[in-house]
């Protein structure tokens, strides 16, 4: 997730937490946001057919069925689970998304980043968040709320996006952090879960929500209300769901993915995520990617020894600086769940 772009404003603003962040009016919709290359400073978007659309008061869109026109042919979800839900190639690492739409891999064992490809999503550049499935697909959301997919094993550069047919506009999930999570330890098949992306500073009883997307219909349904309206998710191959949310300090929260009950909460003192943040579970630990401050900088890489496999408690360590500003981190449920 990342913050709102300063260059699109005529007045100064302060960058706020990660997944892309816009300015919000009384109705909770995005106003003045530079959601894609066609958006002006007033929030209006000129579609490629010459029409103009704008956010409606109900969180939907007026003047068209979709927020933008990309010219990408709708392909359908193609997300039906195969027997046994096998792991595709290229699903064993952490995959990260830059704020300008480039895909990289991150190897937790070596700490190395490797460029995969730039993304061609019909000219859109304002990336918001990402999840990665067992099929080796990165599911990418842009500021307009729509979802697109790219094949991590496609050797093209840039790699073209596919449109699976998701319909944005849910007022609880205008944008959202996301992650694939296995159904259970016995059932490796996964689903895509969502965390509200309404406003960075919005927190309090039941202001946000957790949701889940049906793999075949792509319908987004609410699981439960939660107390944070801005956050990212990561999941495991054993069926666990975690959120990175809140501020001063941010929190790592484990949720019951069926009920939304908070099972465990761990503060993360020393981590600042007011500009961009993402995180991923890998090998029993967490890897957090954060940037902060008013100046756009590459992300810091943090390691949280969540399972105390190193013997020093749940130690949080700053490892390095990433070569990009990271707004999304995806790890498939094929990644190793136990210490490596």
C-alpha atoms as a PDB file:
ATOM      1  CA  UNK A   1       0.000   0.000   0.000  1.00  0.00           C
ATOM      2  CA  UNK A   2       1.212   3.495  -0.552  1.00  0.00           C
ATOM      3  CA  UNK A   3       0.394   7.108   0.005  1.00  0.00           C
ATOM      4  CA  UNK A   4      -1.066   9.774  -2.232  1.00  0.00           C
ATOM      5  CA  UNK A   5       1.202  11.409  -4.829  1.00  0.00           C
ATOM      6  CA  UNK A   6       2.173  14.947  -3.899  1.00  0.00           C
ATOM      7  CA  UNK A   7       2.680  16.065  -7.481  1.00  0.00           C
ATOM      8  CA  UNK A   8      -1.040  15.863  -8.255  1.00  0.00           C
ATOM      9  CA  UNK A   9      -1.962  18.465  -5.619  1.00  0.00           C
ATOM     10  CA  UNK A  10      -1.959  22.236  -5.758  1.00  0.00           C
ATOM     11  CA  UNK A  11      -1.590  22.472  -1.982  1.00  0.00           C
ATOM     12  CA  UNK A  12       0.818  20.703   0.369  1.00  0.00           C
ATOM     13  CA  UNK A  13      -0.307  17.493   2.020  1.00  0.00           C
ATOM     14  CA  UNK A  14       1.321  15.089   4.430  1.00  0.00           C
ATOM     15  CA  UNK A  15       1.924  11.556   3.229  1.00  0.00           C
ATOM     16  CA  UNK A  16       0.042   8.979   5.254  1.00  0.00           C
ATOM     17  CA  UNK A  17       0.256   5.187   5.479  1.00  0.00           C
ATOM     18  CA  UNK A  18       0.963   2.835   2.709  1.00  0.00           C
ATOM     19  CA  UNK A  19      -1.340   1.199   0.120  1.00  0.00           C
ATOM     20  CA  UNK A  20      -1.905   4.164  -2.127  1.00  0.00           C
ATOM     21  CA  UNK A  21      -3.617   6.910  -0.160  1.00  0.00           C
ATOM     22  CA  UNK A  22      -6.027   9.535  -1.474  1.00  0.00           C
ATOM     23  CA  UNK A  23      -7.801  12.506   0.073  1.00  0.00           C
ATOM     24  CA  UNK A  24     -11.197  11.580   1.392  1.00  0.00           C
ATOM     25  CA  UNK A  25     -14.364  13.626   1.450  1.00  0.00           C
ATOM     26  CA  UNK A  26     -17.286  13.299   3.824  1.00  0.00           C
ATOM     27  CA  UNK A  27     -18.649  10.314   1.933  1.00  0.00           C
ATOM     28  CA  UNK A  28     -15.388   8.342   2.218  1.00  0.00           C
ATOM     29  CA  UNK A  29     -14.780   8.469  -1.528  1.00  0.00           C
ATOM     30  CA  UNK A  30     -11.509   9.599  -3.069  1.00  0.00           C
ATOM     31  CA  UNK A  31     -11.358  13.253  -4.000  1.00  0.00           C
ATOM     32  CA  UNK A  32      -8.474  14.964  -5.734  1.00  0.00           C
ATOM     33  CA  UNK A  33      -6.644  11.684  -6.218  1.00  0.00           C
ATOM     34  CA  UNK A  34      -4.385  10.973  -9.162  1.00  0.00           C
ATOM     35  CA  UNK A  35      -5.658   7.448  -9.620  1.00  0.00           C
ATOM     36  CA  UNK A  36      -4.194   6.926 -13.068  1.00  0.00           C
ATOM     37  CA  UNK A  37      -2.501   8.807 -15.829  1.00  0.00           C
ATOM     38  CA  UNK A  38      -5.832  10.182 -17.093  1.00  0.00           C
ATOM     39  CA  UNK A  39      -6.979  11.662 -13.786  1.00  0.00           C
ATOM     40  CA  UNK A  40      -6.878  15.426 -13.232  1.00  0.00           C
ATOM     41  CA  UNK A  41      -6.436  17.234  -9.939  1.00  0.00           C
ATOM     42  CA  UNK A  42     -10.205  17.341  -9.407  1.00  0.00           C
ATOM     43  CA  UNK A  43     -10.576  13.588  -9.376  1.00  0.00           C
ATOM     44  CA  UNK A  44     -12.263  13.340 -12.793  1.00  0.00           C
ATOM     45  CA  UNK A  45     -11.051  10.639 -15.150  1.00  0.00           C
ATOM     46  CA  UNK A  46     -11.156  10.899 -18.917  1.00  0.00           C
ATOM     47  CA  UNK A  47     -11.797   7.495 -20.434  1.00  0.00           C
ATOM     48  CA  UNK A  48     -10.216   6.476 -23.697  1.00  0.00           C
ATOM     49  CA  UNK A  49     -13.568   6.775 -25.466  1.00  0.00           C
ATOM     50  CA  UNK A  50     -13.664  10.485 -24.682  1.00  0.00           C
ATOM     51  CA  UNK A  51     -16.223  10.292 -21.865  1.00  0.00           C
ATOM     52  CA  UNK A  52     -15.620  11.552 -18.356  1.00  0.00           C
ATOM     53  CA  UNK A  53     -16.462   9.572 -15.241  1.00  0.00           C
ATOM     54  CA  UNK A  54     -16.188  10.464 -11.598  1.00  0.00           C
ATOM     55  CA  UNK A  55     -16.695   8.844  -8.196  1.00  0.00           C
ATOM     56  CA  UNK A  56     -20.361   8.751  -7.184  1.00  0.00           C
ATOM     57  CA  UNK A  57     -21.627   9.543  -3.713  1.00  0.00           C
ATOM     58  CA  UNK A  58     -22.417   5.884  -3.069  1.00  0.00           C
ATOM     59  CA  UNK A  59     -18.841   4.746  -3.687  1.00  0.00           C
ATOM     60  CA  UNK A  60     -19.685   3.567  -7.191  1.00  0.00           C
ATOM     61  CA  UNK A  61     -19.038   5.300 -10.494  1.00  0.00           C
ATOM     62  CA  UNK A  62     -21.208   7.450 -12.727  1.00  0.00           C
ATOM     63  CA  UNK A  63     -20.884   7.785 -16.472  1.00  0.00           C
ATOM     64  CA  UNK A  64     -19.755   4.191 -17.051  1.00  0.00           C
ATOM     65  CA  UNK A  65     -19.664   0.699 -15.626  1.00  0.00           C
ATOM     66  CA  UNK A  66     -15.972   0.848 -14.732  1.00  0.00           C
ATOM     67  CA  UNK A  67     -13.773   3.618 -13.259  1.00  0.00           C
ATOM     68  CA  UNK A  68     -11.480   3.583 -16.286  1.00  0.00           C
ATOM     69  CA  UNK A  69     -11.334   2.201 -19.786  1.00  0.00           C
ATOM     70  CA  UNK A  70      -8.101   0.307 -20.361  1.00  0.00           C
ATOM     71  CA  UNK A  71      -8.848  -1.586 -23.556  1.00  0.00           C
ATOM     72  CA  UNK A  72      -7.865  -4.858 -21.842  1.00  0.00           C
ATOM     73  CA  UNK A  73     -10.126  -7.691 -22.920  1.00  0.00           C
ATOM     74  CA  UNK A  74     -11.946  -9.383 -20.049  1.00  0.00           C
ATOM     75  CA  UNK A  75     -10.633 -12.926 -19.690  1.00  0.00           C
ATOM     76  CA  UNK A  76     -12.584 -14.311 -16.735  1.00  0.00           C
ATOM     77  CA  UNK A  77     -11.115 -15.419 -13.443  1.00  0.00           C
ATOM     78  CA  UNK A  78      -9.652 -18.741 -14.645  1.00  0.00           C
ATOM     79  CA  UNK A  79      -9.206 -19.474 -10.956  1.00  0.00           C
ATOM     80  CA  UNK A  80     -10.998 -22.817 -10.648  1.00  0.00           C
ATOM     81  CA  UNK A  81      -8.948 -25.006  -8.318  1.00  0.00           C
ATOM     82  CA  UNK A  82      -7.166 -27.937  -9.941  1.00  0.00           C
ATOM     83  CA  UNK A  83      -7.248 -31.316  -8.219  1.00  0.00           C
ATOM     84  CA  UNK A  84      -4.980 -31.040  -5.204  1.00  0.00           C
ATOM     85  CA  UNK A  85      -4.211 -27.363  -5.974  1.00  0.00           C
ATOM     86  CA  UNK A  86      -0.595 -27.969  -7.092  1.00  0.00           C
ATOM     87  CA  UNK A  87       2.048 -25.268  -6.960  1.00  0.00           C
ATOM     88  CA  UNK A  88       3.003 -23.585 -10.214  1.00  0.00           C
ATOM     89  CA  UNK A  89       6.605 -22.694 -10.922  1.00  0.00           C
ATOM     90  CA  UNK A  90       7.738 -19.382  -9.512  1.00  0.00           C
ATOM     91  CA  UNK A  91       5.661 -19.488  -6.337  1.00  0.00           C
ATOM     92  CA  UNK A  92       8.290 -20.209  -3.700  1.00  0.00           C
ATOM     93  CA  UNK A  93       9.645 -16.707  -3.013  1.00  0.00           C
ATOM     94  CA  UNK A  94       8.232 -13.360  -1.889  1.00  0.00           C
ATOM     95  CA  UNK A  95       7.147 -11.153  -4.797  1.00  0.00           C
ATOM     96  CA  UNK A  96       7.020  -7.384  -4.513  1.00  0.00           C
ATOM     97  CA  UNK A  97       5.406  -4.593  -6.513  1.00  0.00           C
ATOM     98  CA  UNK A  98       6.884  -1.125  -6.962  1.00  0.00           C
ATOM     99  CA  UNK A  99       4.966   2.138  -6.896  1.00  0.00           C
ATOM    100  CA  UNK A 100       5.542   2.505 -10.658  1.00  0.00           C
ATOM    101  CA  UNK A 101       4.362  -0.959 -11.635  1.00  0.00           C
ATOM    102  CA  UNK A 102       7.405  -3.229 -11.750  1.00  0.00           C
ATOM    103  CA  UNK A 103       7.538  -6.757 -10.371  1.00  0.00           C
ATOM    104  CA  UNK A 104      10.500  -8.090  -8.420  1.00  0.00           C
ATOM    105  CA  UNK A 105      11.235 -11.204  -6.385  1.00  0.00           C
ATOM    106  CA  UNK A 106      12.743 -11.207  -2.911  1.00  0.00           C
ATOM    107  CA  UNK A 107      14.590 -14.254  -1.608  1.00  0.00           C
ATOM    108  CA  UNK A 108      14.375 -14.276   2.209  1.00  0.00           C
ATOM    109  CA  UNK A 109      17.261 -16.736   2.527  1.00  0.00           C
ATOM    110  CA  UNK A 110      19.757 -14.501   0.718  1.00  0.00           C
ATOM    111  CA  UNK A 111      18.053 -11.131   1.088  1.00  0.00           C
ATOM    112  CA  UNK A 112      18.449 -10.570  -2.668  1.00  0.00           C
ATOM    113  CA  UNK A 113      15.995  -8.766  -4.942  1.00  0.00           C
ATOM    114  CA  UNK A 114      15.663  -9.681  -8.637  1.00  0.00           C
ATOM    115  CA  UNK A 115      13.774  -7.782 -11.324  1.00  0.00           C
ATOM    116  CA  UNK A 116      11.049  -9.797 -13.096  1.00  0.00           C
ATOM    117  CA  UNK A 117       9.269  -7.398 -15.447  1.00  0.00           C
ATOM    118  CA  UNK A 118       7.390  -4.169 -15.792  1.00  0.00           C
ATOM    119  CA  UNK A 119       3.597  -4.404 -16.000  1.00  0.00           C
ATOM    120  CA  UNK A 120       1.496  -3.236 -18.942  1.00  0.00           C
ATOM    121  CA  UNK A 121      -2.005  -2.580 -17.601  1.00  0.00           C
ATOM    122  CA  UNK A 122      -3.429  -0.323 -20.283  1.00  0.00           C
ATOM    123  CA  UNK A 123      -1.340   2.688 -19.294  1.00  0.00           C
ATOM    124  CA  UNK A 124      -2.243   2.684 -15.595  1.00  0.00           C
ATOM    125  CA  UNK A 125       0.653   3.304 -13.224  1.00  0.00           C
ATOM    126  CA  UNK A 126      -0.815   3.980  -9.769  1.00  0.00           C
ATOM    127  CA  UNK A 127      -0.405   0.584  -8.134  1.00  0.00           C
ATOM    128  CA  UNK A 128      -2.027  -0.051  -4.760  1.00  0.00           C
ATOM    129  CA  UNK A 129      -1.537  -3.626  -3.518  1.00  0.00           C
ATOM    130  CA  UNK A 130      -0.840  -7.204  -4.615  1.00  0.00           C
ATOM    131  CA  UNK A 131      -1.423 -10.860  -3.768  1.00  0.00           C
ATOM    132  CA  UNK A 132       0.088 -13.989  -5.371  1.00  0.00           C
ATOM    133  CA  UNK A 133      -1.768 -17.253  -5.973  1.00  0.00           C
ATOM    134  CA  UNK A 134      -0.605 -20.876  -6.140  1.00  0.00           C
ATOM    135  CA  UNK A 135      -1.101 -20.657  -9.909  1.00  0.00           C
ATOM    136  CA  UNK A 136       1.798 -18.196 -10.151  1.00  0.00           C
ATOM    137  CA  UNK A 137      -0.393 -15.179 -10.813  1.00  0.00           C
ATOM    138  CA  UNK A 138       0.107 -11.784  -9.260  1.00  0.00           C
ATOM    139  CA  UNK A 139      -3.244 -10.134  -8.555  1.00  0.00           C
ATOM    140  CA  UNK A 140      -2.662  -6.383  -8.714  1.00  0.00           C
ATOM    141  CA  UNK A 141      -4.951  -3.571  -7.643  1.00  0.00           C
ATOM    142  CA  UNK A 142      -4.703  -0.012  -8.900  1.00  0.00           C
ATOM    143  CA  UNK A 143      -6.027   3.125  -7.270  1.00  0.00           C
ATOM    144  CA  UNK A 144      -9.270   2.819  -9.214  1.00  0.00           C
ATOM    145  CA  UNK A 145     -10.069  -0.292  -7.167  1.00  0.00           C
ATOM    146  CA  UNK A 146     -10.034  -2.749 -10.059  1.00  0.00           C
ATOM    147  CA  UNK A 147      -8.044  -5.997 -10.081  1.00  0.00           C
ATOM    148  CA  UNK A 148      -5.801  -7.299 -12.855  1.00  0.00           C
ATOM    149  CA  UNK A 149      -3.601 -10.364 -13.062  1.00  0.00           C
ATOM    150  CA  UNK A 150      -0.192 -11.075 -14.561  1.00  0.00           C
ATOM    151  CA  UNK A 151       1.587 -14.383 -14.983  1.00  0.00           C
ATOM    152  CA  UNK A 152       4.813 -14.443 -12.969  1.00  0.00           C
ATOM    153  CA  UNK A 153       6.199 -16.997 -15.423  1.00  0.00           C
ATOM    154  CA  UNK A 154       5.517 -14.900 -18.519  1.00  0.00           C
ATOM    155  CA  UNK A 155       8.916 -14.079 -20.017  1.00  0.00           C
ATOM    156  CA  UNK A 156       7.656 -10.877 -21.657  1.00  0.00           C
ATOM    157  CA  UNK A 157       8.831  -7.453 -20.536  1.00  0.00           C
ATOM    158  CA  UNK A 158       6.588  -5.635 -20.114  1.00  0.00           C
ATOM    159  CA  UNK A 159       4.160  -8.388 -19.199  1.00  0.00           C
ATOM    160  CA  UNK A 160       0.572  -7.666 -20.195  1.00  0.00           C
ATOM    161  CA  UNK A 161      -2.237  -7.658 -17.649  1.00  0.00           C
ATOM    162  CA  UNK A 162      -5.354  -9.786 -17.893  1.00  0.00           C
ATOM    163  CA  UNK A 163      -8.735  -8.583 -16.642  1.00  0.00           C
ATOM    164  CA  UNK A 164     -10.393 -11.334 -14.580  1.00  0.00           C
ATOM    165  CA  UNK A 165     -13.686  -9.435 -14.320  1.00  0.00           C
ATOM    166  CA  UNK A 166     -13.711  -8.092 -10.753  1.00  0.00           C
ATOM    167  CA  UNK A 167     -16.276  -5.327 -10.132  1.00  0.00           C
ATOM    168  CA  UNK A 168     -14.993  -2.553  -7.831  1.00  0.00           C
ATOM    169  CA  UNK A 169     -17.130  -0.114  -5.876  1.00  0.00           C
ATOM    170  CA  UNK A 170     -17.819  -1.791  -2.500  1.00  0.00           C
ATOM    171  CA  UNK A 171     -17.860   1.125   0.000  1.00  0.00           C
ATOM    172  CA  UNK A 172     -16.102  -0.984   2.651  1.00  0.00           C
ATOM    173  CA  UNK A 173     -13.403  -1.958   0.143  1.00  0.00           C
ATOM    174  CA  UNK A 174     -12.861   0.989  -2.248  1.00  0.00           C
ATOM    175  CA  UNK A 175      -9.300  -0.331  -2.297  1.00  0.00           C
ATOM    176  CA  UNK A 176      -7.912  -3.119  -0.167  1.00  0.00           C
ATOM    177  CA  UNK A 177      -4.842  -4.901   1.058  1.00  0.00           C
ATOM    178  CA  UNK A 178      -4.960  -8.542   0.005  1.00  0.00           C
ATOM    179  CA  UNK A 179      -3.455 -11.979   0.361  1.00  0.00           C
ATOM    180  CA  UNK A 180      -4.149 -15.560  -0.616  1.00  0.00           C
ATOM    181  CA  UNK A 181      -4.669 -17.931   2.303  1.00  0.00           C
ATOM    182  CA  UNK A 182      -4.967 -21.727   2.236  1.00  0.00           C
ATOM    183  CA  UNK A 183      -8.295 -23.169   3.328  1.00  0.00           C
ATOM    184  CA  UNK A 184      -6.663 -25.280   6.056  1.00  0.00           C
ATOM    185  CA  UNK A 185      -3.626 -27.399   6.861  1.00  0.00           C
ATOM    186  CA  UNK A 186      -5.341 -30.298   5.124  1.00  0.00           C
ATOM    187  CA  UNK A 187      -6.708 -28.291   2.166  1.00  0.00           C
ATOM    188  CA  UNK A 188      -4.032 -26.293   0.303  1.00  0.00           C
ATOM    189  CA  UNK A 189      -6.524 -24.642  -2.083  1.00  0.00           C
ATOM    190  CA  UNK A 190      -6.579 -20.913  -1.434  1.00  0.00           C
ATOM    191  CA  UNK A 191      -8.852 -17.872  -1.518  1.00  0.00           C
ATOM    192  CA  UNK A 192      -8.073 -14.157  -1.817  1.00  0.00           C
ATOM    193  CA  UNK A 193      -8.797 -12.160   1.358  1.00  0.00           C
ATOM    194  CA  UNK A 194      -9.219  -8.381   1.598  1.00  0.00           C
ATOM    195  CA  UNK A 195      -8.639  -5.687   4.254  1.00  0.00           C
ATOM    196  CA  UNK A 196     -10.454  -2.336   3.965  1.00  0.00           C
ATOM    197  CA  UNK A 197      -8.521   0.516   2.386  1.00  0.00           C
ATOM    198  CA  UNK A 198     -10.800   3.444   3.279  1.00  0.00           C
ATOM    199  CA  UNK A 199      -8.543   5.998   5.007  1.00  0.00           C
ATOM    200  CA  UNK A 200      -5.170   5.734   6.780  1.00  0.00           C
ATOM    201  CA  UNK A 201      -6.128   7.483  10.018  1.00  0.00           C
ATOM    202  CA  UNK A 202      -9.549   5.861  10.342  1.00  0.00           C
ATOM    203  CA  UNK A 203      -9.562   3.482  13.288  1.00  0.00           C
ATOM    204  CA  UNK A 204     -12.099   2.705  15.989  1.00  0.00           C
ATOM    205  CA  UNK A 205     -14.855   0.196  16.664  1.00  0.00           C
ATOM    206  CA  UNK A 206     -16.025  -1.499  13.459  1.00  0.00           C
ATOM    207  CA  UNK A 207     -14.752   1.173  11.033  1.00  0.00           C
ATOM    208  CA  UNK A 208     -13.132  -1.359   8.692  1.00  0.00           C
ATOM    209  CA  UNK A 209     -13.753  -4.868   7.477  1.00  0.00           C
ATOM    210  CA  UNK A 210     -12.210  -8.148   6.425  1.00  0.00           C
ATOM    211  CA  UNK A 211     -13.559  -9.752   3.280  1.00  0.00           C
ATOM    212  CA  UNK A 212     -13.051 -12.729   0.990  1.00  0.00           C
ATOM    213  CA  UNK A 213     -13.330 -13.024  -2.785  1.00  0.00           C
ATOM    214  CA  UNK A 214     -15.032 -16.046  -4.317  1.00  0.00           C
ATOM    215  CA  UNK A 215     -12.462 -17.734  -6.604  1.00  0.00           C
ATOM    216  CA  UNK A 216     -14.934 -18.383  -9.421  1.00  0.00           C
ATOM    217  CA  UNK A 217     -17.382 -15.447  -9.337  1.00  0.00           C
ATOM    218  CA  UNK A 218     -14.927 -12.842  -7.919  1.00  0.00           C
ATOM    219  CA  UNK A 219     -17.719 -11.585  -5.673  1.00  0.00           C
ATOM    220  CA  UNK A 220     -16.328  -9.802  -2.605  1.00  0.00           C
ATOM    221  CA  UNK A 221     -18.210 -10.558   0.604  1.00  0.00           C
ATOM    222  CA  UNK A 222     -17.641  -9.216   4.119  1.00  0.00           C
ATOM    223  CA  UNK A 223     -16.456 -11.604   6.832  1.00  0.00           C
ATOM    224  CA  UNK A 224     -16.573  -9.227   9.799  1.00  0.00           C
ATOM    225  CA  UNK A 225     -16.115  -5.644  10.914  1.00  0.00           C
ATOM    226  CA  UNK A 226     -12.707  -4.739  12.343  1.00  0.00           C
ATOM    227  CA  UNK A 227     -11.286  -1.671  14.079  1.00  0.00           C
ATOM    228  CA  UNK A 228      -8.879  -0.583  11.329  1.00  0.00           C
ATOM    229  CA  UNK A 229      -9.874   0.855   7.964  1.00  0.00           C
ATOM    230  CA  UNK A 230      -6.394   0.697   6.403  1.00  0.00           C
ATOM    231  CA  UNK A 231      -4.113  -2.326   6.329  1.00  0.00           C
ATOM    232  CA  UNK A 232      -2.316  -5.048   4.442  1.00  0.00           C
ATOM    233  CA  UNK A 233      -2.654  -8.837   4.646  1.00  0.00           C
ATOM    234  CA  UNK A 234      -0.498 -11.911   4.275  1.00  0.00           C
ATOM    235  CA  UNK A 235      -1.431 -15.568   4.556  1.00  0.00           C
ATOM    236  CA  UNK A 236       0.064 -19.010   4.997  1.00  0.00           C
ATOM    237  CA  UNK A 237      -0.226 -22.458   3.516  1.00  0.00           C
ATOM    238  CA  UNK A 238      -1.537 -23.656   6.884  1.00  0.00           C
ATOM    239  CA  UNK A 239      -4.563 -21.361   6.746  1.00  0.00           C
ATOM    240  CA  UNK A 240      -3.448 -18.444   8.940  1.00  0.00           C
ATOM    241  CA  UNK A 241      -4.294 -14.811   8.132  1.00  0.00           C
ATOM    242  CA  UNK A 242      -2.282 -11.807   9.356  1.00  0.00           C
ATOM    243  CA  UNK A 243      -2.751  -8.033   9.048  1.00  0.00           C
ATOM    244  CA  UNK A 244      -0.229  -5.172   9.179  1.00  0.00           C
ATOM    245  CA  UNK A 245      -2.292  -2.173  10.329  1.00  0.00           C
ATOM    246  CA  UNK A 246      -2.478   0.855  12.608  1.00  0.00           C
ATOM    247  CA  UNK A 247       0.271   3.321  13.473  1.00  0.00           C
ATOM    248  CA  UNK A 248       2.425   4.689  16.303  1.00  0.00           C
ATOM    249  CA  UNK A 249       3.333   1.843  16.495  1.00  0.00           C
ATOM    250  CA  UNK A 250       1.832  -0.291  13.750  1.00  0.00           C
ATOM    251  CA  UNK A 251       0.442  -3.664  14.734  1.00  0.00           C
ATOM    252  CA  UNK A 252       0.767  -7.214  13.504  1.00  0.00           C
ATOM    253  CA  UNK A 253      -2.594  -8.887  14.077  1.00  0.00           C
ATOM    254  CA  UNK A 254      -3.582 -12.497  13.450  1.00  0.00           C
ATOM    255  CA  UNK A 255      -7.250 -12.881  12.517  1.00  0.00           C
ATOM    256  CA  UNK A 256      -9.481 -15.916  12.358  1.00  0.00           C
ATOM    257  CA  UNK A 257     -10.201 -15.885   8.628  1.00  0.00           C
ATOM    258  CA  UNK A 258     -13.689 -17.359   9.130  1.00  0.00           C
ATOM    259  CA  UNK A 259     -14.963 -15.064  11.888  1.00  0.00           C
ATOM    260  CA  UNK A 260     -12.672 -11.997  11.872  1.00  0.00           C
ATOM    261  CA  UNK A 261     -11.808 -12.520  15.541  1.00  0.00           C
ATOM    262  CA  UNK A 262      -8.430 -11.054  16.526  1.00  0.00           C
ATOM    263  CA  UNK A 263      -6.380 -13.997  17.797  1.00  0.00           C
ATOM    264  CA  UNK A 264      -3.109 -12.218  18.587  1.00  0.00           C
ATOM    265  CA  UNK A 265      -1.784  -8.644  18.448  1.00  0.00           C
ATOM    266  CA  UNK A 266       1.922  -7.750  18.384  1.00  0.00           C
ATOM    267  CA  UNK A 267       3.074  -4.083  18.398  1.00  0.00           C
ATOM    268  CA  UNK A 268       5.957  -3.235  16.065  1.00  0.00           C
ATOM    269  CA  UNK A 269       7.879  -0.411  17.803  1.00  0.00           C
ATOM    270  CA  UNK A 270      10.464   1.311  15.660  1.00  0.00           C
ATOM    271  CA  UNK A 271       8.684   0.595  12.377  1.00  0.00           C
ATOM    272  CA  UNK A 272       7.422   3.675  10.508  1.00  0.00           C
ATOM    273  CA  UNK A 273       5.024   3.068   7.641  1.00  0.00           C
ATOM    274  CA  UNK A 274       3.487   6.455   6.905  1.00  0.00           C
ATOM    275  CA  UNK A 275       4.540   6.484   3.237  1.00  0.00           C
ATOM    276  CA  UNK A 276       4.327   2.899   1.977  1.00  0.00           C
ATOM    277  CA  UNK A 277       4.135  -0.555   3.491  1.00  0.00           C
ATOM    278  CA  UNK A 278       3.751  -4.206   2.609  1.00  0.00           C
ATOM    279  CA  UNK A 279       4.651  -7.492   4.273  1.00  0.00           C
ATOM    280  CA  UNK A 280       4.801 -11.228   3.733  1.00  0.00           C
ATOM    281  CA  UNK A 281       5.021 -14.446   5.735  1.00  0.00           C
ATOM    282  CA  UNK A 282       7.833 -16.799   4.733  1.00  0.00           C
ATOM    283  CA  UNK A 283       9.444 -19.705   6.607  1.00  0.00           C
ATOM    284  CA  UNK A 284       7.754 -18.966   9.922  1.00  0.00           C
ATOM    285  CA  UNK A 285       8.840 -15.314   9.952  1.00  0.00           C
ATOM    286  CA  UNK A 286       7.636 -11.983   8.573  1.00  0.00           C
ATOM    287  CA  UNK A 287       9.357  -9.647   6.134  1.00  0.00           C
ATOM    288  CA  UNK A 288       8.140  -6.052   6.250  1.00  0.00           C
ATOM    289  CA  UNK A 289       8.791  -3.415   3.593  1.00  0.00           C
ATOM    290  CA  UNK A 290       8.266   0.168   4.733  1.00  0.00           C
ATOM    291  CA  UNK A 291       9.064   3.727   3.760  1.00  0.00           C
ATOM    292  CA  UNK A 292       8.251   6.912   5.612  1.00  0.00           C
ATOM    293  CA  UNK A 293       8.482  10.685   5.426  1.00  0.00           C
ATOM    294  CA  UNK A 294       7.392  13.265   2.867  1.00  0.00           C
ATOM    295  CA  UNK A 295      10.143  12.414   0.370  1.00  0.00           C
ATOM    296  CA  UNK A 296       9.694   9.308  -1.758  1.00  0.00           C
ATOM    297  CA  UNK A 297      12.389   6.816  -0.793  1.00  0.00           C
ATOM    298  CA  UNK A 298      13.122   3.159  -1.389  1.00  0.00           C
ATOM    299  CA  UNK A 299      11.660   0.800   1.176  1.00  0.00           C
ATOM    300  CA  UNK A 300      13.433  -0.515   4.240  1.00  0.00           C
ATOM    301  CA  UNK A 301      13.414  -4.292   4.690  1.00  0.00           C
ATOM    302  CA  UNK A 302      12.658  -5.606   8.180  1.00  0.00           C
ATOM    303  CA  UNK A 303      12.775  -9.180   9.490  1.00  0.00           C
ATOM    304  CA  UNK A 304      10.543 -10.293  12.363  1.00  0.00           C
ATOM    305  CA  UNK A 305      11.577 -13.619  13.916  1.00  0.00           C
ATOM    306  CA  UNK A 306       7.967 -14.418  14.725  1.00  0.00           C
ATOM    307  CA  UNK A 307       8.528 -18.062  15.659  1.00  0.00           C
ATOM    308  CA  UNK A 308      11.716 -17.346  17.680  1.00  0.00           C
ATOM    309  CA  UNK A 309      13.602 -19.837  15.528  1.00  0.00           C
ATOM    310  CA  UNK A 310      16.787 -17.771  16.010  1.00  0.00           C
ATOM    311  CA  UNK A 311      16.525 -18.007  19.785  1.00  0.00           C
ATOM    312  CA  UNK A 312      16.354 -14.291  20.564  1.00  0.00           C
ATOM    313  CA  UNK A 313      12.621 -13.857  21.065  1.00  0.00           C
ATOM    314  CA  UNK A 314      10.392 -12.164  18.526  1.00  0.00           C
ATOM    315  CA  UNK A 315      13.234  -9.892  17.451  1.00  0.00           C
ATOM    316  CA  UNK A 316      12.601  -7.208  14.830  1.00  0.00           C
ATOM    317  CA  UNK A 317      15.709  -6.406  12.749  1.00  0.00           C
ATOM    318  CA  UNK A 318      16.350  -3.874   9.994  1.00  0.00           C
ATOM    319  CA  UNK A 319      18.043  -5.866   7.217  1.00  0.00           C
ATOM    320  CA  UNK A 320      18.619  -3.616   4.228  1.00  0.00           C
ATOM    321  CA  UNK A 321      17.204  -1.110   1.759  1.00  0.00           C
ATOM    322  CA  UNK A 322      15.198  -2.369  -1.213  1.00  0.00           C
ATOM    323  CA  UNK A 323      16.028  -1.135  -4.733  1.00  0.00           C
ATOM    324  CA  UNK A 324      12.441   0.146  -5.121  1.00  0.00           C
ATOM    325  CA  UNK A 325       9.603   1.688  -3.161  1.00  0.00           C
ATOM    326  CA  UNK A 326       7.395  -1.307  -2.397  1.00  0.00           C
ATOM    327  CA  UNK A 327       3.603  -0.970  -2.261  1.00  0.00           C
ATOM    328  CA  UNK A 328       2.644  -4.628  -2.480  1.00  0.00           C
ATOM    329  CA  UNK A 329       4.143  -7.918  -1.332  1.00  0.00           C
ATOM    330  CA  UNK A 330       2.675 -11.240  -2.354  1.00  0.00           C
ATOM    331  CA  UNK A 331       3.589 -14.696  -1.149  1.00  0.00           C
ATOM    332  CA  UNK A 332       1.771 -17.762  -2.356  1.00  0.00           C
ATOM    333  CA  UNK A 333       0.563 -20.473  -0.040  1.00  0.00           C
ATOM    334  CA  UNK A 334       3.276 -22.648  -1.637  1.00  0.00           C
ATOM    335  CA  UNK A 335       5.953 -20.737   0.289  1.00  0.00           C
ATOM    336  CA  UNK A 336       7.520 -22.727   3.143  1.00  0.00           C
ATOM    337  CA  UNK A 337       5.415 -22.358   6.296  1.00  0.00           C
ATOM    338  CA  UNK A 338       8.084 -23.593   8.700  1.00  0.00           C
ATOM    339  CA  UNK A 339      11.539 -22.176   9.617  1.00  0.00           C
ATOM    340  CA  UNK A 340      14.149 -22.492   6.889  1.00  0.00           C
END
